[in-house]
């Protein structure tokens, strides 16, 4: 297995790590209440999933 022969500078390591960012979660709108929600998840605002009531929301 190859081993590094010289130390990388911190700037070079920073250039390599430029793409180590967190991505924003993709949000979609609920069909019932139009609140933002995660795709393929039940809506936490109204409790529906794909047009059906899945759970009761306690407010």
C-alpha atoms as a PDB file:
ATOM      1  CA  UNK A   1       0.000   0.000   0.000  1.00  0.00           C
ATOM      2  CA  UNK A   2       1.320   3.439  -0.910  1.00  0.00           C
ATOM      3  CA  UNK A   3       2.285   5.833   1.872  1.00  0.00           C
ATOM      4  CA  UNK A   4       2.716   9.604   1.550  1.00  0.00           C
ATOM      5  CA  UNK A   5       6.353  10.684   1.284  1.00  0.00           C
ATOM      6  CA  UNK A   6       5.770  14.334   2.222  1.00  0.00           C
ATOM      7  CA  UNK A   7       3.359  16.211   4.456  1.00  0.00           C
ATOM      8  CA  UNK A   8       0.524  18.093   2.744  1.00  0.00           C
ATOM      9  CA  UNK A   9       0.143  21.747   3.671  1.00  0.00           C
ATOM     10  CA  UNK A  10      -3.038  22.835   5.439  1.00  0.00           C
ATOM     11  CA  UNK A  11      -4.063  24.829   2.348  1.00  0.00           C
ATOM     12  CA  UNK A  12      -3.845  21.702   0.209  1.00  0.00           C
ATOM     13  CA  UNK A  13      -5.933  19.767   2.710  1.00  0.00           C
ATOM     14  CA  UNK A  14      -8.468  22.591   2.718  1.00  0.00           C
ATOM     15  CA  UNK A  15      -8.702  22.456  -1.072  1.00  0.00           C
ATOM     16  CA  UNK A  16      -9.423  18.730  -0.862  1.00  0.00           C
ATOM     17  CA  UNK A  17     -12.091  19.273   1.805  1.00  0.00           C
ATOM     18  CA  UNK A  18     -14.018  22.021  -0.053  1.00  0.00           C
ATOM     19  CA  UNK A  19     -16.806  19.572  -0.928  1.00  0.00           C
ATOM     20  CA  UNK A  20     -17.292  18.282   2.632  1.00  0.00           C
ATOM     21  CA  UNK A  21     -20.426  20.363   3.167  1.00  0.00           C
ATOM     22  CA  UNK A  22     -23.821  19.404   4.444  1.00  0.00           C
ATOM     23  CA  UNK A  23     -26.581  19.455   1.868  1.00  0.00           C
ATOM     24  CA  UNK A  24     -29.949  21.051   2.567  1.00  0.00           C
ATOM     25  CA  UNK A  25     -32.814  18.639   2.980  1.00  0.00           C
ATOM     26  CA  UNK A  26     -35.089  18.466  -0.043  1.00  0.00           C
ATOM     27  CA  UNK A  27     -38.539  19.654   1.021  1.00  0.00           C
ATOM     28  CA  UNK A  28     -41.882  19.131  -0.667  1.00  0.00           C
ATOM     29  CA  UNK A  29     -45.346  20.498   0.083  1.00  0.00           C
ATOM     30  CA  UNK A  30     -48.091  18.557   1.842  1.00  0.00           C
ATOM     31  CA  UNK A  31     -51.075  17.872  -0.420  1.00  0.00           C
ATOM     32  CA  UNK A  32     -53.585  18.621   2.368  1.00  0.00           C
ATOM     33  CA  UNK A  33     -52.242  21.651   4.235  1.00  0.00           C
ATOM     34  CA  UNK A  34     -49.415  22.871   1.941  1.00  0.00           C
ATOM     35  CA  UNK A  35     -46.920  22.828   4.831  1.00  0.00           C
ATOM     36  CA  UNK A  36     -43.291  21.962   3.987  1.00  0.00           C
ATOM     37  CA  UNK A  37     -42.413  18.331   4.739  1.00  0.00           C
ATOM     38  CA  UNK A  38     -39.772  15.756   3.929  1.00  0.00           C
ATOM     39  CA  UNK A  39     -40.567  13.650   0.860  1.00  0.00           C
ATOM     40  CA  UNK A  40     -41.842  10.095   1.582  1.00  0.00           C
ATOM     41  CA  UNK A  41     -42.723  11.106   5.165  1.00  0.00           C
ATOM     42  CA  UNK A  42     -46.036  11.828   6.828  1.00  0.00           C
ATOM     43  CA  UNK A  43     -46.821  15.493   7.369  1.00  0.00           C
ATOM     44  CA  UNK A  44     -46.120  16.528  10.946  1.00  0.00           C
ATOM     45  CA  UNK A  45     -48.548  19.440  10.649  1.00  0.00           C
ATOM     46  CA  UNK A  46     -51.752  17.601   9.662  1.00  0.00           C
ATOM     47  CA  UNK A  47     -50.779  13.912  10.027  1.00  0.00           C
ATOM     48  CA  UNK A  48     -51.578  12.822   6.468  1.00  0.00           C
ATOM     49  CA  UNK A  49     -49.581  10.790   3.968  1.00  0.00           C
ATOM     50  CA  UNK A  50     -50.539  10.452   0.287  1.00  0.00           C
ATOM     51  CA  UNK A  51     -54.027  11.834   0.877  1.00  0.00           C
ATOM     52  CA  UNK A  52     -54.833   9.546   3.852  1.00  0.00           C
ATOM     53  CA  UNK A  53     -54.951  10.450   7.538  1.00  0.00           C
ATOM     54  CA  UNK A  54     -52.156   8.401   9.156  1.00  0.00           C
ATOM     55  CA  UNK A  55     -52.043   9.739  12.713  1.00  0.00           C
ATOM     56  CA  UNK A  56     -53.811  12.253  14.899  1.00  0.00           C
ATOM     57  CA  UNK A  57     -51.928  15.493  15.604  1.00  0.00           C
ATOM     58  CA  UNK A  58     -52.041  16.845  19.169  1.00  0.00           C
ATOM     59  CA  UNK A  59     -51.881  20.645  19.203  1.00  0.00           C
END
